Amino acid sequence: MNKILLIIDDDAALLSYLCSNLERHFKEFTIMSAENGLRAAELLGLHPVDILITDLHMPLMDGFELLAHTAKNYPDVTLLVMSGNDSAEVIGRLTPFQVARCFFKPFAARELLRDLIGEIEDLRRFSGGRGPSGESGGLAA
């Protein structure tokens, strides 16, 4: 059974680019997508997601609400974040969710894809735990 990677972003072009390229690179993953946190929460209830990659600023349910929902209800899901704001406040708000990695905008889609591939390859080398080191903490930028 394939592992499931769920990508959430309200930027349709970026979402499509990431999904198609990650699908090509990781044959052992089923790549799913959602345009907002509310739809992502529905998908989490229907599918056993292994890795979740989310933007923070989206309509209906933002990334912080989605992270809180996921951490509470699906604690084994590995969390990765994309954000246009690298302020101490944002980083502080992410800390309780044990985010494995945060990718800060602006970034070129190709650079983000390269970094995501590297992070996912690191994550799949380890079983258990939520971070690439197998530990249950740590926000890496």
C-alpha atoms as a PDB file:
ATOM      1  CA  MET A   1       0.000   0.000   0.000  1.00  0.00           C
ATOM      2  CA  ASN A   2       1.321   3.410  -0.992  1.00  0.00           C
ATOM      3  CA  LYS A   3       2.057   6.070   1.558  1.00  0.00           C
ATOM      4  CA  ILE A   4      -0.036   9.223   1.225  1.00  0.00           C
ATOM      5  CA  LEU A   5       1.354  12.722   0.889  1.00  0.00           C
ATOM      6  CA  LEU A   6      -1.181  15.568   1.157  1.00  0.00           C
ATOM      7  CA  ILE A   7      -0.291  19.033  -0.181  1.00  0.00           C
ATOM      8  CA  ILE A   8      -2.442  22.046   0.712  1.00  0.00           C
ATOM      9  CA  ASP A   9      -2.164  25.464  -0.930  1.00  0.00           C
ATOM     10  CA  ASP A  10      -4.639  27.962  -2.342  1.00  0.00           C
ATOM     11  CA  ASP A  11      -2.223  28.803  -5.183  1.00  0.00           C
ATOM     12  CA  ALA A  12      -3.567  26.449  -7.853  1.00  0.00           C
ATOM     13  CA  ALA A  13      -0.521  26.756 -10.131  1.00  0.00           C
ATOM     14  CA  LEU A  14       1.966  25.928  -7.356  1.00  0.00           C
ATOM     15  CA  LEU A  15      -0.227  23.091  -6.084  1.00  0.00           C
ATOM     16  CA  SER A  16      -0.466  21.539  -9.552  1.00  0.00           C
ATOM     17  CA  TYR A  17       3.285  21.896 -10.144  1.00  0.00           C
ATOM     18  CA  LEU A  18       4.214  20.291  -6.825  1.00  0.00           C
ATOM     19  CA  CYS A  19       1.721  17.451  -7.164  1.00  0.00           C
ATOM     20  CA  SER A  20       2.722  16.461 -10.686  1.00  0.00           C
ATOM     21  CA  ASN A  21       6.449  16.617  -9.981  1.00  0.00           C
ATOM     22  CA  LEU A  22       6.325  14.845  -6.623  1.00  0.00           C
ATOM     23  CA  GLU A  23       4.125  12.159  -8.172  1.00  0.00           C
ATOM     24  CA  ARG A  24       6.777  11.580 -10.839  1.00  0.00           C
ATOM     25  CA  HIS A  25       9.602  11.436  -8.293  1.00  0.00           C
ATOM     26  CA  PHE A  26       7.965   9.327  -5.577  1.00  0.00           C
ATOM     27  CA  LYS A  27       6.216   6.313  -7.063  1.00  0.00           C
ATOM     28  CA  GLU A  28       5.607   4.827  -3.598  1.00  0.00           C
ATOM     29  CA  PHE A  29       3.459   7.826  -2.591  1.00  0.00           C
ATOM     30  CA  THR A  30      -0.089   8.633  -3.512  1.00  0.00           C
ATOM     31  CA  ILE A  31      -0.110  12.411  -3.879  1.00  0.00           C
ATOM     32  CA  MET A  32      -3.311  14.147  -2.805  1.00  0.00           C
ATOM     33  CA  SER A  33      -4.097  17.850  -2.768  1.00  0.00           C
ATOM     34  CA  ALA A  34      -6.488  20.365  -1.275  1.00  0.00           C
ATOM     35  CA  GLU A  35      -7.016  24.057  -1.923  1.00  0.00           C
ATOM     36  CA  ASN A  36      -7.713  24.942   1.714  1.00  0.00           C
ATOM     37  CA  GLY A  37      -7.468  23.573   5.228  1.00  0.00           C
ATOM     38  CA  LEU A  38     -11.131  22.626   5.437  1.00  0.00           C
ATOM     39  CA  ARG A  39     -10.870  20.302   2.443  1.00  0.00           C
ATOM     40  CA  ALA A  40      -7.585  18.929   3.819  1.00  0.00           C
ATOM     41  CA  ALA A  41      -9.273  18.126   7.156  1.00  0.00           C
ATOM     42  CA  GLU A  42     -11.944  16.185   5.240  1.00  0.00           C
ATOM     43  CA  LEU A  43      -9.263  14.223   3.370  1.00  0.00           C
ATOM     44  CA  LEU A  44      -7.413  13.471   6.617  1.00  0.00           C
ATOM     45  CA  GLY A  45     -10.609  11.878   7.916  1.00  0.00           C
ATOM     46  CA  LEU A  46     -10.913   9.692   4.832  1.00  0.00           C
ATOM     47  CA  HIS A  47      -7.308   8.643   4.137  1.00  0.00           C
ATOM     48  CA  PRO A  48      -4.331   7.591   6.296  1.00  0.00           C
ATOM     49  CA  VAL A  49      -2.023  10.507   5.408  1.00  0.00           C
ATOM     50  CA  ASP A  50       1.685  10.040   6.176  1.00  0.00           C
ATOM     51  CA  ILE A  51       3.090  13.468   5.244  1.00  0.00           C
ATOM     52  CA  LEU A  52       1.220  16.773   5.137  1.00  0.00           C
ATOM     53  CA  ILE A  53       2.667  19.859   3.414  1.00  0.00           C
ATOM     54  CA  THR A  54       0.638  23.022   3.982  1.00  0.00           C
ATOM     55  CA  ASP A  55       0.681  26.713   3.304  1.00  0.00           C
ATOM     56  CA  LEU A  56      -0.286  28.836   6.300  1.00  0.00           C
ATOM     57  CA  HIS A  57      -2.450  31.554   4.776  1.00  0.00           C
ATOM     58  CA  MET A  58      -5.512  30.106   3.039  1.00  0.00           C
ATOM     59  CA  PRO A  59      -9.254  30.700   3.003  1.00  0.00           C
ATOM     60  CA  LEU A  60     -11.844  28.777   5.062  1.00  0.00           C
ATOM     61  CA  MET A  61      -9.325  27.130   7.419  1.00  0.00           C
ATOM     62  CA  ASP A  62      -5.789  28.462   7.574  1.00  0.00           C
ATOM     63  CA  GLY A  63      -2.659  26.386   8.008  1.00  0.00           C
ATOM     64  CA  PHE A  64      -2.412  27.016  11.752  1.00  0.00           C
ATOM     65  CA  GLU A  65      -5.927  25.662  12.297  1.00  0.00           C
ATOM     66  CA  LEU A  66      -5.129  22.692  10.066  1.00  0.00           C
ATOM     67  CA  LEU A  67      -1.903  21.984  11.968  1.00  0.00           C
ATOM     68  CA  ALA A  68      -3.771  22.088  15.281  1.00  0.00           C
ATOM     69  CA  HIS A  69      -6.463  19.744  13.926  1.00  0.00           C
ATOM     70  CA  THR A  70      -3.861  17.355  12.508  1.00  0.00           C
ATOM     71  CA  ALA A  71      -1.642  17.330  15.606  1.00  0.00           C
ATOM     72  CA  LYS A  72      -4.644  16.625  17.840  1.00  0.00           C
ATOM     73  CA  ASN A  73      -6.375  13.994  15.702  1.00  0.00           C
ATOM     74  CA  TYR A  74      -3.550  12.478  13.622  1.00  0.00           C
ATOM     75  CA  PRO A  75      -0.357  12.782  15.704  1.00  0.00           C
ATOM     76  CA  ASP A  76       1.661  10.396  13.521  1.00  0.00           C
ATOM     77  CA  VAL A  77       1.405  12.609  10.419  1.00  0.00           C
ATOM     78  CA  THR A  78       4.697  14.311   9.541  1.00  0.00           C
ATOM     79  CA  LEU A  79       4.119  18.055   9.135  1.00  0.00           C
ATOM     80  CA  LEU A  80       5.892  20.340   6.658  1.00  0.00           C
ATOM     81  CA  VAL A  81       4.975  24.013   6.187  1.00  0.00           C
ATOM     82  CA  MET A  82       5.300  26.650   3.459  1.00  0.00           C
ATOM     83  CA  SER A  83       5.057  30.280   4.566  1.00  0.00           C
ATOM     84  CA  GLY A  84       5.619  33.758   3.243  1.00  0.00           C
ATOM     85  CA  ASN A  85       6.335  34.997   6.756  1.00  0.00           C
ATOM     86  CA  ASP A  86       9.478  33.992   8.602  1.00  0.00           C
ATOM     87  CA  SER A  87       8.885  36.198  11.631  1.00  0.00           C
ATOM     88  CA  ALA A  88       9.620  35.027  15.157  1.00  0.00           C
ATOM     89  CA  GLU A  89       5.871  35.149  15.826  1.00  0.00           C
ATOM     90  CA  VAL A  90       5.096  32.672  13.052  1.00  0.00           C
ATOM     91  CA  ILE A  91       7.931  30.370  14.082  1.00  0.00           C
ATOM     92  CA  GLY A  92       6.714  30.548  17.666  1.00  0.00           C
ATOM     93  CA  ARG A  93       3.170  29.633  16.610  1.00  0.00           C
ATOM     94  CA  LEU A  94       4.513  26.601  14.717  1.00  0.00           C
ATOM     95  CA  THR A  95       6.567  25.201  17.595  1.00  0.00           C
ATOM     96  CA  PRO A  96       3.733  23.350  19.424  1.00  0.00           C
ATOM     97  CA  PHE A  97       2.913  21.382  16.267  1.00  0.00           C
ATOM     98  CA  GLN A  98       6.339  19.744  15.970  1.00  0.00           C
ATOM     99  CA  VAL A  99       6.745  20.803  12.348  1.00  0.00           C
ATOM    100  CA  ALA A 100       9.583  18.835  10.746  1.00  0.00           C
ATOM    101  CA  ARG A 101      10.513  21.627   8.300  1.00  0.00           C
ATOM    102  CA  CYS A 102       9.344  25.059   7.232  1.00  0.00           C
ATOM    103  CA  PHE A 103      10.008  26.401   3.729  1.00  0.00           C
ATOM    104  CA  PHE A 104       9.925  30.202   3.626  1.00  0.00           C
ATOM    105  CA  LYS A 105       8.764  32.200   0.621  1.00  0.00           C
ATOM    106  CA  PRO A 106       9.767  33.717  -1.626  1.00  0.00           C
ATOM    107  CA  PHE A 107      11.114  30.644  -3.296  1.00  0.00           C
ATOM    108  CA  ALA A 108      11.226  29.496  -6.868  1.00  0.00           C
ATOM    109  CA  ALA A 109       8.883  26.546  -7.384  1.00  0.00           C
ATOM    110  CA  ARG A 110      11.824  24.508  -8.683  1.00  0.00           C
ATOM    111  CA  GLU A 111      13.872  25.237  -5.544  1.00  0.00           C
ATOM    112  CA  LEU A 112      10.942  24.315  -3.305  1.00  0.00           C
ATOM    113  CA  LEU A 113      10.460  21.081  -5.229  1.00  0.00           C
ATOM    114  CA  ARG A 114      14.163  20.219  -4.843  1.00  0.00           C
ATOM    115  CA  ASP A 115      14.031  20.921  -1.091  1.00  0.00           C
ATOM    116  CA  LEU A 116      10.781  18.962  -0.644  1.00  0.00           C
ATOM    117  CA  ILE A 117      12.259  15.982  -2.476  1.00  0.00           C
ATOM    118  CA  GLY A 118      15.297  16.071  -0.197  1.00  0.00           C
ATOM    119  CA  GLU A 119      13.161  16.349   2.928  1.00  0.00           C
ATOM    120  CA  ILE A 120      10.803  13.531   1.875  1.00  0.00           C
ATOM    121  CA  GLU A 121      13.771  11.302   1.016  1.00  0.00           C
ATOM    122  CA  ASP A 122      15.158  11.964   4.502  1.00  0.00           C
ATOM    123  CA  LEU A 123      11.788  11.246   6.105  1.00  0.00           C
ATOM    124  CA  ARG A 124      11.263   7.963   4.304  1.00  0.00           C
ATOM    125  CA  ARG A 125      14.662   6.690   5.500  1.00  0.00           C
ATOM    126  CA  PHE A 126      13.372   6.690   9.046  1.00  0.00           C
ATOM    127  CA  SER A 127      10.449   4.788  10.447  1.00  0.00           C
ATOM    128  CA  GLY A 128       8.456   6.180  13.341  1.00  0.00           C
ATOM    129  CA  GLY A 129       8.830   9.651  14.794  1.00  0.00           C
ATOM    130  CA  ARG A 130       7.684  12.863  13.218  1.00  0.00           C
ATOM    131  CA  GLY A 131      10.924  14.505  12.241  1.00  0.00           C
ATOM    132  CA  PRO A 132      13.687  13.462   9.872  1.00  0.00           C
ATOM    133  CA  SER A 133      15.832  12.446  12.842  1.00  0.00           C
ATOM    134  CA  GLY A 134      13.057  10.233  14.218  1.00  0.00           C
ATOM    135  CA  GLU A 135      12.648  12.591  17.176  1.00  0.00           C
ATOM    136  CA  SER A 136       9.288  14.134  17.920  1.00  0.00           C
ATOM    137  CA  GLY A 137      10.276  17.743  17.752  1.00  0.00           C
ATOM    138  CA  GLY A 138      12.264  20.358  16.001  1.00  0.00           C
ATOM    139  CA  LEU A 139      11.455  23.060  13.533  1.00  0.00           C
ATOM    140  CA  ALA A 140      14.095  23.296  10.863  1.00  0.00           C
ATOM    141  CA  ALA A 141      14.170  26.150   8.395  1.00  0.00           C
END
